[in-house]
Every structure is written in C-alpha cells, then in structure tokens.
Amino acid sequence: MKNIIKNKVVEAIKELYNFDIDISEIKVKLTPKQFEGDFTLIVQPLLKYSKKSLEETEIEIGDYLINNIKEILNYNCGNKMK
C-alpha cells in the first residue's frame, strides 16, 4: 500500500501543481499507534511544489488520494479527520 500511495502522490503533484517529481521524494511511514490511521504522508517536503500552507497542501493531496485510491476512506489533517 505504501508504494500505491507514493505513486498516487507523484501523480497528485503533477496534476495539482504541475511538477514532475521522483518517487524517492515521497515519504510515507506507518502511523504511530497513538494516532488514528495506518499510514502517514510527510507533507512538509512537498510544500515547495504546492507553494501553499501545510494545511491547504494536506487537504488537496488528501482529497486527491481519497478520489484515486479506493482503499483510502478518510485522512487526518492537523489532527482533524477529513
């Protein structure tokens, strides 16, 4: 699933921000047990492509993933469930 997420984030960066990036720039890790969810996308390094706030970027990429990966039903953004 981590590779699926990474590939879709590469697509999201291309579609949303018109940048081609290498999959190695995408960091996905297991979500710590104290938080809800299975995987965590590290969004901060992607801000240089979105040129937007952390929250805006989290929402745009999170919405893209929900719409393009059927297994993703929701996501957390700044400790708020979307």
N, C-alpha and C. Protein backbone atom coordinates (compact mmCIF):
# COMPACT_ATOMS: atom_id res chain seq x y z
N MET A 1 0.83 -1.20 0.00
CA MET A 1 0.00 0.00 0.00
C MET A 1 0.87 1.26 0.00
N LYS A 2 2.02 1.20 0.68
CA LYS A 2 2.89 2.39 0.71
C LYS A 2 3.30 2.79 -0.70
N ASN A 3 3.62 1.82 -1.54
CA ASN A 3 4.03 2.15 -2.92
C ASN A 3 2.87 2.72 -3.73
N ILE A 4 1.68 2.21 -3.49
CA ILE A 4 0.49 2.75 -4.18
C ILE A 4 0.32 4.22 -3.79
N ILE A 5 0.42 4.50 -2.49
CA ILE A 5 0.28 5.88 -2.01
C ILE A 5 1.35 6.76 -2.63
N LYS A 6 2.59 6.30 -2.61
CA LYS A 6 3.68 7.10 -3.17
C LYS A 6 3.45 7.40 -4.65
N ASN A 7 3.04 6.40 -5.42
CA ASN A 7 2.79 6.61 -6.85
C ASN A 7 1.67 7.61 -7.07
N LYS A 8 0.62 7.53 -6.26
CA LYS A 8 -0.50 8.47 -6.41
C LYS A 8 -0.12 9.88 -5.97
N VAL A 9 0.77 10.00 -5.00
CA VAL A 9 1.22 11.33 -4.60
C VAL A 9 2.04 11.95 -5.72
N VAL A 10 2.87 11.16 -6.40
CA VAL A 10 3.61 11.67 -7.57
C VAL A 10 2.62 12.19 -8.61
N GLU A 11 1.55 11.43 -8.85
CA GLU A 11 0.51 11.86 -9.80
C GLU A 11 -0.17 13.14 -9.31
N ALA A 12 -0.45 13.19 -8.01
CA ALA A 12 -1.12 14.37 -7.45
C ALA A 12 -0.27 15.62 -7.62
N ILE A 13 1.03 15.51 -7.37
CA ILE A 13 1.92 16.67 -7.52
C ILE A 13 1.92 17.14 -8.97
N LYS A 14 1.90 16.21 -9.90
CA LYS A 14 1.86 16.57 -11.32
C LYS A 14 0.54 17.25 -11.67
N GLU A 15 -0.55 16.65 -11.24
CA GLU A 15 -1.87 17.17 -11.60
C GLU A 15 -2.21 18.47 -10.87
N LEU A 16 -1.91 18.54 -9.58
CA LEU A 16 -2.29 19.70 -8.79
C LEU A 16 -1.35 20.89 -8.94
N TYR A 17 -0.03 20.58 -9.08
CA TYR A 17 0.96 21.66 -9.03
C TYR A 17 1.87 21.72 -10.25
N ASN A 18 1.63 20.82 -11.21
CA ASN A 18 2.36 20.81 -12.48
C ASN A 18 3.88 20.64 -12.32
N PHE A 19 4.25 19.73 -11.41
CA PHE A 19 5.66 19.38 -11.22
C PHE A 19 5.83 17.88 -11.39
N ASP A 20 6.88 17.47 -12.09
CA ASP A 20 7.27 16.07 -12.16
C ASP A 20 8.29 15.82 -11.06
N ILE A 21 7.98 14.92 -10.15
CA ILE A 21 8.93 14.62 -9.09
C ILE A 21 9.23 13.13 -9.07
N ASP A 22 10.34 12.79 -8.46
CA ASP A 22 10.74 11.40 -8.34
C ASP A 22 10.07 10.78 -7.11
N ILE A 23 9.71 9.54 -7.23
CA ILE A 23 9.03 8.84 -6.13
C ILE A 23 9.88 8.84 -4.85
N SER A 24 11.19 8.94 -4.99
CA SER A 24 12.07 8.95 -3.81
C SER A 24 11.85 10.19 -2.93
N GLU A 25 11.20 11.21 -3.47
CA GLU A 25 10.91 12.42 -2.69
C GLU A 25 9.70 12.25 -1.77
N ILE A 26 8.94 11.18 -1.97
CA ILE A 26 7.72 10.94 -1.21
C ILE A 26 8.04 10.07 -0.01
N LYS A 27 7.70 10.55 1.17
CA LYS A 27 7.95 9.82 2.41
C LYS A 27 6.62 9.40 3.02
N VAL A 28 6.43 8.09 3.14
CA VAL A 28 5.24 7.51 3.77
C VAL A 28 5.74 6.57 4.85
N LYS A 29 5.19 6.72 6.05
CA LYS A 29 5.60 5.84 7.14
C LYS A 29 4.35 5.31 7.85
N LEU A 30 4.55 4.30 8.66
CA LEU A 30 3.45 3.78 9.46
C LEU A 30 3.05 4.83 10.49
N THR A 31 1.76 4.98 10.69
CA THR A 31 1.25 5.96 11.64
C THR A 31 1.50 5.46 13.07
N PRO A 32 2.03 6.32 13.94
CA PRO A 32 2.23 5.92 15.34
C PRO A 32 0.91 5.47 15.96
N LYS A 33 0.99 4.52 16.88
CA LYS A 33 -0.20 3.92 17.47
C LYS A 33 -1.11 4.93 18.20
N GLN A 34 -0.54 6.03 18.69
CA GLN A 34 -1.37 6.99 19.41
C GLN A 34 -2.27 7.81 18.48
N PHE A 35 -2.08 7.68 17.17
CA PHE A 35 -2.90 8.39 16.20
C PHE A 35 -3.74 7.41 15.40
N GLU A 36 -4.85 7.88 14.88
CA GLU A 36 -5.73 7.05 14.06
C GLU A 36 -5.15 6.94 12.65
N GLY A 37 -5.24 5.76 12.07
CA GLY A 37 -4.81 5.56 10.70
C GLY A 37 -3.70 4.54 10.58
N ASP A 38 -3.39 4.21 9.34
CA ASP A 38 -2.39 3.18 9.05
C ASP A 38 -1.08 3.77 8.52
N PHE A 39 -1.19 4.80 7.69
CA PHE A 39 -0.01 5.38 7.05
C PHE A 39 -0.01 6.90 7.22
N THR A 40 1.18 7.47 7.26
CA THR A 40 1.34 8.92 7.36
C THR A 40 2.20 9.41 6.19
N LEU A 41 1.66 10.34 5.45
CA LEU A 41 2.41 11.00 4.39
C LEU A 41 3.08 12.23 4.99
N ILE A 42 4.39 12.35 4.81
CA ILE A 42 5.12 13.51 5.29
C ILE A 42 4.98 14.61 4.23
N VAL A 43 4.18 15.62 4.54
CA VAL A 43 3.79 16.63 3.56
C VAL A 43 4.77 17.80 3.48
N GLN A 44 5.44 18.12 4.57
CA GLN A 44 6.29 19.32 4.61
C GLN A 44 7.24 19.43 3.42
N PRO A 45 7.94 18.36 3.01
CA PRO A 45 8.87 18.50 1.87
C PRO A 45 8.17 18.83 0.54
N LEU A 46 6.85 18.63 0.49
CA LEU A 46 6.10 18.87 -0.75
C LEU A 46 5.61 20.32 -0.87
N LEU A 47 5.78 21.10 0.19
CA LEU A 47 5.32 22.48 0.16
C LEU A 47 6.03 23.31 -0.89
N LYS A 48 7.26 22.93 -1.23
CA LYS A 48 8.00 23.68 -2.26
C LYS A 48 7.33 23.54 -3.63
N TYR A 49 6.52 22.51 -3.81
CA TYR A 49 5.79 22.34 -5.09
C TYR A 49 4.42 23.02 -5.03
N SER A 50 3.74 22.89 -3.91
CA SER A 50 2.40 23.48 -3.82
C SER A 50 2.46 25.00 -3.65
N LYS A 51 3.50 25.48 -2.97
CA LYS A 51 3.62 26.91 -2.65
C LYS A 51 2.39 27.40 -1.88
N LYS A 52 1.87 26.51 -1.04
CA LYS A 52 0.69 26.80 -0.22
C LYS A 52 1.00 26.43 1.23
N SER A 53 0.06 26.70 2.11
CA SER A 53 0.25 26.35 3.51
C SER A 53 0.24 24.83 3.68
N LEU A 54 0.74 24.40 4.83
CA LEU A 54 0.74 22.97 5.14
C LEU A 54 -0.67 22.41 5.11
N GLU A 55 -1.60 23.10 5.75
CA GLU A 55 -2.98 22.60 5.80
C GLU A 55 -3.62 22.54 4.41
N GLU A 56 -3.44 23.56 3.60
CA GLU A 56 -4.00 23.54 2.24
C GLU A 56 -3.43 22.38 1.43
N THR A 57 -2.13 22.17 1.55
CA THR A 57 -1.48 21.10 0.80
C THR A 57 -1.95 19.73 1.30
N GLU A 58 -2.07 19.57 2.62
CA GLU A 58 -2.58 18.31 3.17
C GLU A 58 -3.97 18.01 2.64
N ILE A 59 -4.82 19.02 2.62
CA ILE A 59 -6.20 18.82 2.15
C ILE A 59 -6.23 18.48 0.67
N GLU A 60 -5.49 19.21 -0.16
CA GLU A 60 -5.50 18.95 -1.60
C GLU A 60 -4.98 17.55 -1.92
N ILE A 61 -3.85 17.18 -1.32
CA ILE A 61 -3.30 15.85 -1.60
C ILE A 61 -4.18 14.77 -0.97
N GLY A 62 -4.68 15.01 0.24
CA GLY A 62 -5.57 14.05 0.89
C GLY A 62 -6.83 13.80 0.07
N ASP A 63 -7.44 14.86 -0.42
CA ASP A 63 -8.63 14.71 -1.28
C ASP A 63 -8.29 13.95 -2.56
N TYR A 64 -7.14 14.25 -3.14
CA TYR A 64 -6.71 13.54 -4.35
C TYR A 64 -6.59 12.05 -4.06
N LEU A 65 -5.98 11.70 -2.95
CA LEU A 65 -5.80 10.28 -2.62
C LEU A 65 -7.13 9.59 -2.37
N ILE A 66 -8.04 10.26 -1.67
CA ILE A 66 -9.38 9.67 -1.45
C ILE A 66 -10.08 9.41 -2.78
N ASN A 67 -9.94 10.33 -3.71
CA ASN A 67 -10.61 10.19 -5.00
C ASN A 67 -9.93 9.21 -5.95
N ASN A 68 -8.70 8.81 -5.64
CA ASN A 68 -7.95 7.98 -6.58
C ASN A 68 -7.45 6.66 -6.02
N ILE A 69 -7.65 6.41 -4.74
CA ILE A 69 -7.31 5.12 -4.14
C ILE A 69 -8.53 4.65 -3.35
N LYS A 70 -9.20 3.62 -3.85
CA LYS A 70 -10.47 3.21 -3.25
C LYS A 70 -10.33 2.74 -1.80
N GLU A 71 -9.14 2.27 -1.41
CA GLU A 71 -8.93 1.80 -0.04
C GLU A 71 -8.81 2.94 0.97
N ILE A 72 -8.56 4.15 0.51
CA ILE A 72 -8.46 5.29 1.41
C ILE A 72 -9.84 5.93 1.54
N LEU A 73 -10.35 5.89 2.76
CA LEU A 73 -11.69 6.40 3.01
C LEU A 73 -11.69 7.77 3.66
N ASN A 74 -10.61 8.09 4.41
CA ASN A 74 -10.50 9.40 5.06
C ASN A 74 -9.04 9.64 5.40
N TYR A 75 -8.77 10.81 5.93
CA TYR A 75 -7.41 11.15 6.32
C TYR A 75 -7.44 12.18 7.43
N ASN A 76 -6.34 12.29 8.15
CA ASN A 76 -6.20 13.28 9.20
C ASN A 76 -5.40 14.46 8.66
N CYS A 77 -5.83 15.63 9.01
CA CYS A 77 -5.14 16.86 8.62
C CYS A 77 -5.01 17.70 9.87
N GLY A 78 -3.79 17.82 10.38
CA GLY A 78 -3.59 18.59 11.61
C GLY A 78 -4.45 18.08 12.75
N ASN A 79 -4.52 16.76 12.91
CA ASN A 79 -5.30 16.09 13.96
C ASN A 79 -6.81 16.20 13.77
N LYS A 80 -7.25 16.64 12.61
CA LYS A 80 -8.68 16.69 12.31
C LYS A 80 -8.98 15.67 11.21
N MET A 81 -10.01 14.86 11.40
CA MET A 81 -10.39 13.85 10.41
C MET A 81 -11.13 14.52 9.26
N LYS A 82 -10.77 14.16 8.04
CA LYS A 82 -11.45 14.67 6.84
C LYS A 82 -12.16 13.52 6.15
